[in-house]
């Protein structure tokens, strides 16, 4: 299976802090993960964006 590179963007400050890969499938929901944001200095929800 082919994989896409995706970026994780902080929901508060909109900075792109993390990158990861994901399989190519249609109809998938966007990934939402709580991760540490270096600019906000706290754990915030990060959402998937395209690379």
PDB file of N, CA and C in Angstrom:
ATOM      1  N   UNK A   1       0.824  -1.195   0.000  1.00  0.00           N
ATOM      2  CA  UNK A   1       0.000   0.000   0.000  1.00  0.00           C
ATOM      3  C   UNK A   1       0.860   1.247   0.000  1.00  0.00           C
ATOM      4  N   UNK A   2       0.399   2.220  -0.739  1.00  0.00           N
ATOM      5  CA  UNK A   2       1.120   3.482  -0.816  1.00  0.00           C
ATOM      6  C   UNK A   2       0.778   4.366   0.383  1.00  0.00           C
ATOM      7  N   UNK A   3       1.751   5.152   0.832  1.00  0.00           N
ATOM      8  CA  UNK A   3       1.557   6.001   2.011  1.00  0.00           C
ATOM      9  C   UNK A   3       1.741   7.464   1.638  1.00  0.00           C
ATOM     10  N   UNK A   4       0.962   8.325   2.294  1.00  0.00           N
ATOM     11  CA  UNK A   4       1.063   9.770   2.126  1.00  0.00           C
ATOM     12  C   UNK A   4       1.763  10.383   3.317  1.00  0.00           C
ATOM     13  N   UNK A   5       2.514  11.454   3.085  1.00  0.00           N
ATOM     14  CA  UNK A   5       3.086  12.223   4.182  1.00  0.00           C
ATOM     15  C   UNK A   5       2.053  13.269   4.573  1.00  0.00           C
ATOM     16  N   UNK A   6       1.739  13.339   5.871  1.00  0.00           N
ATOM     17  CA  UNK A   6       0.805  14.343   6.361  1.00  0.00           C
ATOM     18  C   UNK A   6       1.484  15.174   7.439  1.00  0.00           C
ATOM     19  N   UNK A   7       1.021  16.409   7.605  1.00  0.00           N
ATOM     20  CA  UNK A   7       1.537  17.290   8.642  1.00  0.00           C
ATOM     21  C   UNK A   7       0.482  17.445   9.717  1.00  0.00           C
ATOM     22  N   UNK A   8       0.916  17.591  10.962  1.00  0.00           N
ATOM     23  CA  UNK A   8       0.003  17.830  12.071  1.00  0.00           C
ATOM     24  C   UNK A   8       0.146  19.286  12.493  1.00  0.00           C
ATOM     25  N   UNK A   9      -0.980  20.016  12.477  1.00  0.00           N
ATOM     26  CA  UNK A   9      -1.005  21.438  12.760  1.00  0.00           C
ATOM     27  C   UNK A   9      -1.693  21.698  14.082  1.00  0.00           C
ATOM     28  N   UNK A  10      -1.106  22.549  14.914  1.00  0.00           N
ATOM     29  CA  UNK A  10      -1.682  22.916  16.207  1.00  0.00           C
ATOM     30  C   UNK A  10      -2.993  23.660  15.987  1.00  0.00           C
ATOM     31  N   UNK A  11      -4.022  23.309  16.745  1.00  0.00           N
ATOM     32  CA  UNK A  11      -5.328  23.940  16.572  1.00  0.00           C
ATOM     33  C   UNK A  11      -5.378  25.340  17.172  1.00  0.00           C
ATOM     34  N   UNK A  12      -4.443  25.700  18.046  1.00  0.00           N
ATOM     35  CA  UNK A  12      -4.457  27.030  18.663  1.00  0.00           C
ATOM     36  C   UNK A  12      -3.587  28.035  17.918  1.00  0.00           C
ATOM     37  N   UNK A  13      -2.322  27.711  17.700  1.00  0.00           N
ATOM     38  CA  UNK A  13      -1.411  28.682  17.076  1.00  0.00           C
ATOM     39  C   UNK A  13      -1.190  28.433  15.586  1.00  0.00           C
ATOM     40  N   UNK A  14      -1.724  27.342  15.049  1.00  0.00           N
ATOM     41  CA  UNK A  14      -1.652  26.990  13.625  1.00  0.00           C
ATOM     42  C   UNK A  14      -0.236  26.702  13.112  1.00  0.00           C
ATOM     43  N   UNK A  15       0.687  26.374  14.000  1.00  0.00           N
ATOM     44  CA  UNK A  15       2.034  26.016  13.553  1.00  0.00           C
ATOM     45  C   UNK A  15       2.082  24.529  13.214  1.00  0.00           C
ATOM     46  N   UNK A  16       2.871  24.197  12.202  1.00  0.00           N
ATOM     47  CA  UNK A  16       3.000  22.801  11.767  1.00  0.00           C
ATOM     48  C   UNK A  16       4.192  22.197  12.480  1.00  0.00           C
ATOM     49  N   UNK A  17       3.918  21.362  13.488  1.00  0.00           N
ATOM     50  CA  UNK A  17       4.957  20.858  14.369  1.00  0.00           C
ATOM     51  C   UNK A  17       5.424  19.447  14.060  1.00  0.00           C
ATOM     52  N   UNK A  18       4.562  18.588  13.565  1.00  0.00           N
ATOM     53  CA  UNK A  18       4.889  17.170  13.404  1.00  0.00           C
ATOM     54  C   UNK A  18       4.533  16.704  11.994  1.00  0.00           C
ATOM     55  N   UNK A  19       5.243  15.677  11.532  1.00  0.00           N
ATOM     56  CA  UNK A  19       4.902  15.025  10.268  1.00  0.00           C
ATOM     57  C   UNK A  19       4.863  13.523  10.506  1.00  0.00           C
ATOM     58  N   UNK A  20       4.014  12.841   9.746  1.00  0.00           N
ATOM     59  CA  UNK A  20       3.870  11.397   9.858  1.00  0.00           C
ATOM     60  C   UNK A  20       3.372  10.872   8.520  1.00  0.00           C
ATOM     61  N   UNK A  21       3.212   9.559   8.396  1.00  0.00           N
ATOM     62  CA  UNK A  21       2.707   8.974   7.158  1.00  0.00           C
ATOM     63  C   UNK A  21       1.382   8.282   7.433  1.00  0.00           C
ATOM     64  N   UNK A  22       0.614   8.119   6.369  1.00  0.00           N
ATOM     65  CA  UNK A  22      -0.693   7.487   6.471  1.00  0.00           C
ATOM     66  C   UNK A  22      -1.013   6.792   5.154  1.00  0.00           C
ATOM     67  N   UNK A  23      -1.713   5.672   5.204  1.00  0.00           N
ATOM     68  CA  UNK A  23      -2.053   4.951   3.983  1.00  0.00           C
ATOM     69  C   UNK A  23      -3.047   5.753   3.156  1.00  0.00           C
ATOM     70  N   UNK A  24      -3.007   5.522   1.843  1.00  0.00           N
ATOM     71  CA  UNK A  24      -3.924   6.203   0.941  1.00  0.00           C
ATOM     72  C   UNK A  24      -5.229   5.418   0.879  1.00  0.00           C
ATOM     73  N   UNK A  25      -6.251   5.939   1.522  1.00  0.00           N
ATOM     74  CA  UNK A  25      -7.590   5.352   1.447  1.00  0.00           C
ATOM     75  C   UNK A  25      -8.582   6.495   1.348  1.00  0.00           C
ATOM     76  N   UNK A  26      -9.618   6.316   0.559  1.00  0.00           N
ATOM     77  CA  UNK A  26     -10.622   7.368   0.445  1.00  0.00           C
ATOM     78  C   UNK A  26     -11.653   7.198   1.548  1.00  0.00           C
ATOM     79  N   UNK A  27     -12.238   8.285   1.972  1.00  0.00           N
ATOM     80  CA  UNK A  27     -13.279   8.234   2.983  1.00  0.00           C
ATOM     81  C   UNK A  27     -12.796   8.196   4.414  1.00  0.00           C
ATOM     82  N   UNK A  28     -11.503   8.393   4.655  1.00  0.00           N
ATOM     83  CA  UNK A  28     -10.990   8.391   6.025  1.00  0.00           C
ATOM     84  C   UNK A  28     -11.214   9.753   6.666  1.00  0.00           C
ATOM     85  N   UNK A  29     -11.455   9.738   7.974  1.00  0.00           N
ATOM     86  CA  UNK A  29     -11.568  10.988   8.704  1.00  0.00           C
ATOM     87  C   UNK A  29     -10.183  11.563   8.930  1.00  0.00           C
ATOM     88  N   UNK A  30     -10.132  12.886   9.154  1.00  0.00           N
ATOM     89  CA  UNK A  30      -8.841  13.521   9.437  1.00  0.00           C
ATOM     90  C   UNK A  30      -8.369  13.130  10.822  1.00  0.00           C
ATOM     91  N   UNK A  31      -7.071  12.951  10.945  1.00  0.00           N
ATOM     92  CA  UNK A  31      -6.442  12.533  12.183  1.00  0.00           C
ATOM     93  C   UNK A  31      -6.412  13.686  13.184  1.00  0.00           C
ATOM     94  N   UNK A  32      -6.758  13.407  14.453  1.00  0.00           N
ATOM     95  CA  UNK A  32      -6.698  14.391  15.525  1.00  0.00           C
ATOM     96  C   UNK A  32      -5.992  13.746  16.707  1.00  0.00           C
ATOM     97  N   UNK A  33      -4.870  14.347  17.137  1.00  0.00           N
ATOM     98  CA  UNK A  33      -4.051  13.792  18.221  1.00  0.00           C
ATOM     99  C   UNK A  33      -3.669  14.924  19.167  1.00  0.00           C
ATOM    100  N   UNK A  34      -3.653  14.629  20.473  1.00  0.00           N
ATOM    101  CA  UNK A  34      -3.149  15.605  21.432  1.00  0.00           C
ATOM    102  C   UNK A  34      -1.644  15.431  21.522  1.00  0.00           C
ATOM    103  N   UNK A  35      -0.905  16.514  21.200  1.00  0.00           N
ATOM    104  CA  UNK A  35       0.551  16.493  21.226  1.00  0.00           C
ATOM    105  C   UNK A  35       1.048  17.794  21.845  1.00  0.00           C
ATOM    106  N   UNK A  36       2.324  17.800  22.212  1.00  0.00           N
ATOM    107  CA  UNK A  36       2.932  18.987  22.814  1.00  0.00           C
ATOM    108  C   UNK A  36       3.315  19.980  21.727  1.00  0.00           C
ATOM    109  N   UNK A  37       2.909  21.232  21.903  1.00  0.00           N
ATOM    110  CA  UNK A  37       3.262  22.303  20.979  1.00  0.00           C
ATOM    111  C   UNK A  37       4.345  23.156  21.625  1.00  0.00           C
ATOM    112  N   UNK A  38       5.477  23.300  20.947  1.00  0.00           N
ATOM    113  CA  UNK A  38       6.589  24.062  21.493  1.00  0.00           C
ATOM    114  C   UNK A  38       6.293  25.557  21.547  1.00  0.00           C
ATOM    115  N   UNK A  39       5.467  26.064  20.644  1.00  0.00           N
ATOM    116  CA  UNK A  39       5.149  27.489  20.646  1.00  0.00           C
ATOM    117  C   UNK A  39       4.135  27.843  21.722  1.00  0.00           C
ATOM    118  N   UNK A  40       3.151  26.975  21.959  1.00  0.00           N
ATOM    119  CA  UNK A  40       2.123  27.215  22.986  1.00  0.00           C
ATOM    120  C   UNK A  40       2.597  26.789  24.381  1.00  0.00           C
ATOM    121  N   UNK A  41       3.602  25.927  24.440  1.00  0.00           N
ATOM    122  CA  UNK A  41       4.134  25.373  25.694  1.00  0.00           C
ATOM    123  C   UNK A  41       3.073  24.589  26.469  1.00  0.00           C
ATOM    124  N   UNK A  42       2.238  23.845  25.744  1.00  0.00           N
ATOM    125  CA  UNK A  42       1.233  23.001  26.379  1.00  0.00           C
ATOM    126  C   UNK A  42       0.781  21.923  25.394  1.00  0.00           C
ATOM    127  N   UNK A  43       0.064  20.932  25.896  1.00  0.00           N
ATOM    128  CA  UNK A  43      -0.497  19.891  25.048  1.00  0.00           C
ATOM    129  C   UNK A  43      -1.780  20.415  24.419  1.00  0.00           C
ATOM    130  N   UNK A  44      -1.834  20.383  23.096  1.00  0.00           N
ATOM    131  CA  UNK A  44      -3.008  20.848  22.369  1.00  0.00           C
ATOM    132  C   UNK A  44      -3.398  19.801  21.334  1.00  0.00           C
ATOM    133  N   UNK A  45      -4.585  19.948  20.777  1.00  0.00           N
ATOM    134  CA  UNK A  45      -5.033  19.047  19.726  1.00  0.00           C
ATOM    135  C   UNK A  45      -4.370  19.446  18.420  1.00  0.00           C
ATOM    136  N   UNK A  46      -3.786  18.465  17.732  1.00  0.00           N
ATOM    137  CA  UNK A  46      -3.157  18.672  16.434  1.00  0.00           C
ATOM    138  C   UNK A  46      -4.000  17.957  15.385  1.00  0.00           C
ATOM    139  N   UNK A  47      -4.282  18.656  14.275  1.00  0.00           N
ATOM    140  CA  UNK A  47      -5.112  18.104  13.211  1.00  0.00           C
ATOM    141  C   UNK A  47      -4.275  17.858  11.966  1.00  0.00           C
ATOM    142  N   UNK A  48      -4.721  16.901  11.176  1.00  0.00           N
ATOM    143  CA  UNK A  48      -4.034  16.523   9.949  1.00  0.00           C
ATOM    144  C   UNK A  48      -4.220  17.592   8.878  1.00  0.00           C
ATOM    145  N   UNK A  49      -3.107  17.926   8.189  1.00  0.00           N
ATOM    146  CA  UNK A  49      -3.149  18.790   7.003  1.00  0.00           C
ATOM    147  C   UNK A  49      -2.284  18.144   5.930  1.00  0.00           C
ATOM    148  N   UNK A  50      -2.474  18.540   4.695  1.00  0.00           N
ATOM    149  CA  UNK A  50      -1.687  17.971   3.614  1.00  0.00           C
ATOM    150  C   UNK A  50      -0.289  18.560   3.591  1.00  0.00           C
ATOM    151  N   UNK A  51       0.657  17.778   3.130  1.00  0.00           N
ATOM    152  CA  UNK A  51       2.059  18.213   3.082  1.00  0.00           C
ATOM    153  C   UNK A  51       2.296  19.169   1.933  1.00  0.00           C
TER     154      UNK A  51
END
